[in-house]
C-alpha cells in the first residue's frame, strides 16, 4: 500500500539522519492530518503542534480532534499547543501600517521558527505537509514558512490522492470534507477563494498537455489561473539564483 511505502520511507530517513523525532504542525486540514498520521505509523516519537494565531474556532476544533485521535491510536504521539497570537501581535506592532499579505506570510514563518525550536530541542525533523499541487504546481505556500521543512512525505501526491489515503487510514471525516484553507488571514476564506480554482481543477491543469482549441471556457480559465500562479511563484519552486564568478 502507498501509505506503507511512505511510512517506511519516513522511518528509514530519520534513522539514516541519526535523529529520533518527527515534528509536525497540525492545522485542522487534511494535509497535516495525513502527514502526522503517516509519521505516527512509524512508531517513532512524533510531536504534533497546534500553533493558533487568531485561529478560527472550527479549524482549532478539528486540529484538537485529530490530535486526540492520533494520541488514542498511536502511543508514540505527543502534543503541544503554543498560542502564538501575542507573539504575532507584538511582531506586527513593530511596523507602521498593515500589509495583509506580508502579515499572513509572517504567521506562517513564526510557526516555522517554532517547529524548528521544538525539533532542535528533541533531535527531530520538521515534516512538511505540502501536497504536489501546492508545492510544485501553483506554489501555494509561504517561502521560509510552511515551505521551510526537512522532509516532505506527501509532496508527490495530488490532493485527490491525499484525500484517498486519509480515508484509507481512518482520518476523521470532518477533516476530509472541510474546505481547504491556509488559515493565515483571520477569516474564513478558503484556498479556492484565494486561487480561483478547486484542487481538482488545478490537478487537471497540472496534467494537461493537449490541444486547447476544444476546451471549454472554464477549462481555459483554469489553465490561465494555473499558469499565472506557476509563473509568479516560480521563485519558490526553483533553486535560489546564485551569481557565478
Protein backbone atom coordinates (compact mmCIF):
# COMPACT_ATOMS: atom_id res chain seq x y z
CA UNK A 1 0.00 0.00 0.00
CA UNK A 2 1.14 3.54 -0.73
CA UNK A 3 0.81 4.64 2.88
CA UNK A 4 3.07 1.77 3.96
CA UNK A 5 5.71 2.82 1.44
CA UNK A 6 5.64 6.41 2.72
CA UNK A 7 5.78 5.27 6.34
CA UNK A 8 8.77 3.04 5.62
CA UNK A 9 10.48 5.90 3.77
CA UNK A 10 10.00 8.20 6.77
CA UNK A 11 11.33 5.55 9.12
CA UNK A 12 14.43 4.92 7.03
CA UNK A 13 15.12 8.63 6.58
CA UNK A 14 15.02 9.55 10.27
CA UNK A 15 17.20 6.57 11.18
CA UNK A 16 19.75 7.41 8.48
CA UNK A 17 19.82 11.02 9.74
CA UNK A 18 20.61 9.76 13.24
CA UNK A 19 17.59 11.54 14.67
CA UNK A 20 14.71 10.36 16.83
CA UNK A 21 11.63 12.52 16.39
CA UNK A 22 9.18 13.86 13.84
CA UNK A 23 7.78 17.36 14.47
CA UNK A 24 4.65 18.43 12.62
CA UNK A 25 2.31 21.40 12.77
CA UNK A 26 -1.33 20.32 12.77
CA UNK A 27 -3.78 22.88 11.39
CA UNK A 28 -7.08 21.02 11.21
CA UNK A 29 -6.61 20.45 7.48
CA UNK A 30 -6.28 17.20 5.58
CA UNK A 31 -2.63 17.58 4.52
CA UNK A 32 -1.29 17.96 8.06
CA UNK A 33 -3.68 15.28 9.29
CA UNK A 34 -2.39 12.76 6.76
CA UNK A 35 1.25 13.72 7.27
CA UNK A 36 1.06 13.41 11.06
CA UNK A 37 -0.69 10.05 10.74
CA UNK A 38 1.99 8.72 8.39
CA UNK A 39 4.71 9.84 10.80
CA UNK A 40 2.91 8.31 13.77
CA UNK A 41 2.66 4.98 11.96
CA UNK A 42 6.47 4.68 12.02
CA UNK A 43 6.36 4.14 15.77
CA UNK A 44 8.97 6.87 16.17
CA UNK A 45 8.37 9.69 18.61
CA UNK A 46 6.04 12.15 16.89
CA UNK A 47 5.38 15.61 18.33
CA UNK A 48 2.36 17.38 16.87
CA UNK A 49 1.88 21.08 17.46
CA UNK A 50 -1.17 23.28 17.34
CA UNK A 51 0.02 26.89 16.89
CA UNK A 52 -3.04 29.16 16.75
CA UNK A 53 -2.75 32.79 15.67
CA UNK A 54 -6.23 34.32 15.81
CA UNK A 55 -7.37 30.90 14.59
CA UNK A 56 -10.94 30.14 13.61
CA UNK A 57 -12.70 28.01 16.20
CA UNK A 58 -13.67 25.38 13.62
CA UNK A 59 -10.05 24.97 12.47
CA UNK A 60 -8.83 24.71 16.04
CA UNK A 61 -11.51 22.19 16.95
CA UNK A 62 -10.61 19.96 14.00
CA UNK A 63 -6.93 20.17 14.96
CA UNK A 64 -7.72 19.20 18.56
CA UNK A 65 -9.96 16.34 17.47
CA UNK A 66 -7.28 15.00 15.13
CA UNK A 67 -4.61 15.24 17.83
CA UNK A 68 -6.88 13.36 20.25
CA UNK A 69 -7.44 10.69 17.58
CA UNK A 70 -3.70 10.36 16.99
CA UNK A 71 -2.91 10.00 20.69
CA UNK A 72 -5.66 7.42 21.10
CA UNK A 73 -4.33 5.31 18.21
CA UNK A 74 -0.56 5.81 18.45
CA UNK A 75 1.34 5.63 21.72
CA UNK A 76 4.34 7.42 20.19
CA UNK A 77 2.43 10.69 19.69
CA UNK A 78 2.88 13.69 21.96
CA UNK A 79 1.18 17.03 21.55
CA UNK A 80 1.82 20.67 22.35
CA UNK A 81 -0.25 23.80 21.91
CA UNK A 82 1.71 27.02 21.60
CA UNK A 83 -0.53 30.04 21.14
CA UNK A 84 1.43 32.49 19.01
CA UNK A 85 -1.24 35.20 18.92
CA UNK A 86 0.52 37.55 21.37
CA UNK A 87 3.86 36.95 19.67
CA UNK A 88 2.32 37.79 16.31
CA UNK A 89 0.67 40.94 17.66
CA UNK A 90 3.96 42.10 19.17
CA UNK A 91 5.74 41.45 15.88
CA UNK A 92 3.03 43.32 13.97
CA UNK A 93 3.40 46.33 16.27
CA UNK A 94 6.97 46.86 15.05
CA UNK A 95 5.73 48.11 11.68
CA UNK A 96 3.71 51.09 10.52
CA UNK A 97 0.59 50.18 8.55
CA UNK A 98 -0.71 46.74 7.68
CA UNK A 99 0.33 44.81 4.60
CA UNK A 100 -2.08 41.89 4.88
CA UNK A 101 -0.14 39.54 2.60
CA UNK A 102 3.09 40.21 4.48
CA UNK A 103 1.34 39.59 7.80
CA UNK A 104 -0.25 36.38 6.53
CA UNK A 105 3.18 35.13 5.49
CA UNK A 106 4.62 36.21 8.84
CA UNK A 107 2.13 33.96 10.63
CA UNK A 108 3.48 31.02 8.67
CA UNK A 109 7.10 31.99 9.35
CA UNK A 110 6.51 32.33 13.09
CA UNK A 111 5.16 28.78 13.05
CA UNK A 112 8.22 27.56 11.13
CA UNK A 113 10.54 29.08 13.74
CA UNK A 114 8.52 27.39 16.49
CA UNK A 115 8.64 24.00 14.78
CA UNK A 116 12.42 24.21 14.39
CA UNK A 117 12.82 25.25 18.02
CA UNK A 118 10.95 22.13 19.13
CA UNK A 119 12.72 19.92 16.58
CA UNK A 120 16.20 21.04 17.63
CA UNK A 121 15.36 20.51 21.30
CA UNK A 122 14.16 16.96 20.59
CA UNK A 123 16.60 15.63 17.97
CA UNK A 124 13.85 15.92 15.41
CA UNK A 125 12.99 16.59 11.80
CA UNK A 126 10.41 19.17 10.76
CA UNK A 127 8.00 17.33 8.48
CA UNK A 128 6.40 19.25 5.62
CA UNK A 129 2.69 18.97 4.89
CA UNK A 130 2.50 20.34 1.33
CA UNK A 131 0.96 18.31 -1.48
CA UNK A 132 2.14 18.20 -5.12
CA UNK A 133 -0.27 20.82 -6.45
CA UNK A 134 0.76 23.31 -3.77
CA UNK A 135 4.49 22.60 -3.76
CA UNK A 136 5.21 22.07 -7.46
CA UNK A 137 2.15 23.33 -9.33
CA UNK A 138 0.94 26.70 -8.06
CA UNK A 139 3.49 27.37 -5.30
CA UNK A 140 0.71 27.94 -2.78
CA UNK A 141 2.80 28.17 0.36
CA UNK A 142 4.95 30.66 2.23
CA UNK A 143 8.63 30.79 1.37
CA UNK A 144 10.55 30.05 4.59
CA UNK A 145 7.21 29.46 6.30
CA UNK A 146 5.35 26.22 5.68
CA UNK A 147 7.83 25.77 2.82
CA UNK A 148 10.68 25.59 5.36
CA UNK A 149 10.90 21.89 6.22
CA UNK A 150 13.37 19.00 6.40
CA UNK A 151 11.37 16.28 4.67
CA UNK A 152 8.22 16.20 2.51
CA UNK A 153 6.37 12.88 2.59
CA UNK A 154 3.26 13.89 0.60
CA UNK A 155 4.78 16.39 -1.86
CA UNK A 156 4.46 13.89 -4.71
CA UNK A 157 0.76 13.27 -4.01
CA UNK A 158 -2.06 15.12 -5.72
CA UNK A 159 -4.80 16.44 -3.44
CA UNK A 160 -7.12 13.66 -4.62
CA UNK A 161 -4.50 11.10 -3.53
CA UNK A 162 -4.22 12.83 -0.16
CA UNK A 163 -7.97 12.53 0.31
CA UNK A 164 -7.92 8.86 -0.67
CA UNK A 165 -5.11 7.96 1.73
CA UNK A 166 -6.82 9.89 4.52
CA UNK A 167 -9.95 7.78 4.00
CA UNK A 168 -7.94 4.55 3.96
CA UNK A 169 -6.24 5.46 7.24
CA UNK A 170 -9.49 6.36 9.01
CA UNK A 171 -8.81 10.07 9.48
CA UNK A 172 -11.82 11.99 10.80
CA UNK A 173 -14.44 12.73 8.14
CA UNK A 174 -14.79 16.32 9.38
CA UNK A 175 -11.22 16.93 8.19
CA UNK A 176 -11.63 15.11 4.88
CA UNK A 177 -14.70 17.12 3.86
CA UNK A 178 -13.58 20.51 5.24
CA UNK A 179 -12.84 23.13 2.55
CA UNK A 180 -9.05 23.52 2.31
CA UNK A 181 -7.73 26.75 3.84
CA UNK A 182 -4.32 28.05 4.83
CA UNK A 183 -5.86 29.78 7.86
CA UNK A 184 -3.49 32.74 7.59
CA UNK A 185 -5.91 35.62 7.15
CA UNK A 186 -8.03 35.63 10.30
CA UNK A 187 -11.23 35.00 8.35
CA UNK A 188 -13.00 32.09 6.64
CA UNK A 189 -11.50 32.41 3.13
CA UNK A 190 -10.64 29.08 1.54
CA UNK A 191 -7.81 28.10 -0.79
CA UNK A 192 -10.32 28.14 -3.66
CA UNK A 193 -11.31 31.70 -2.74
CA UNK A 194 -7.67 32.77 -2.94
CA UNK A 195 -6.67 30.82 -6.04
CA UNK A 196 -9.90 30.94 -8.03
CA UNK A 197 -9.96 27.22 -8.81
CA UNK A 198 -10.54 23.96 -6.95
CA UNK A 199 -7.77 21.45 -6.37
CA UNK A 200 -9.45 19.03 -8.76
CA UNK A 201 -9.33 21.71 -11.45
CA UNK A 202 -5.69 22.51 -10.65
CA UNK A 203 -4.78 18.83 -10.85
CA UNK A 204 -6.34 18.70 -14.30
CA UNK A 205 -4.40 21.79 -15.38
CA UNK A 206 -1.15 20.45 -13.97
CA UNK A 207 -1.53 17.27 -16.03
CA UNK A 208 -2.90 18.91 -19.21
CA UNK A 209 -0.69 18.81 -22.28
CA UNK A 210 -3.24 18.65 -25.12
CA UNK A 211 -4.84 20.93 -27.68
CA UNK A 212 -6.56 23.93 -26.11
CA UNK A 213 -8.75 24.64 -29.16
CA UNK A 214 -11.61 22.41 -27.97
CA UNK A 215 -11.52 23.34 -24.29
CA UNK A 216 -14.49 24.89 -22.52
CA UNK A 217 -14.38 28.48 -21.30
CA UNK A 218 -13.93 27.28 -17.72
CA UNK A 219 -11.07 24.97 -18.62
CA UNK A 220 -9.32 27.84 -20.37
CA UNK A 221 -9.83 29.99 -17.27
CA UNK A 222 -8.36 27.27 -15.05
CA UNK A 223 -5.33 26.89 -17.31
CA UNK A 224 -4.77 30.65 -17.15
CA UNK A 225 -5.06 30.59 -13.34
CA UNK A 226 -2.67 27.65 -13.05
CA UNK A 227 -0.09 29.17 -15.41
CA UNK A 228 -0.27 32.54 -13.67
CA UNK A 229 0.36 31.08 -10.22
CA UNK A 230 3.02 28.72 -11.55
CA UNK A 231 4.86 31.65 -13.16
CA UNK A 232 4.61 34.17 -10.36
CA UNK A 233 5.58 31.61 -7.70
CA UNK A 234 8.40 30.02 -9.69
CA UNK A 235 10.91 31.63 -7.32
CA UNK A 236 9.65 29.29 -4.59
CA UNK A 237 9.99 26.15 -6.69
CA UNK A 238 13.47 26.56 -8.20
CA UNK A 239 16.92 26.89 -6.69
CA UNK A 240 17.89 30.29 -5.32
CA UNK A 241 19.71 32.24 -8.05
CA UNK A 242 23.46 32.38 -7.39
CA UNK A 243 25.87 34.67 -9.18
CA UNK A 244 28.71 32.62 -10.65
CA UNK A 245 32.03 34.48 -10.83
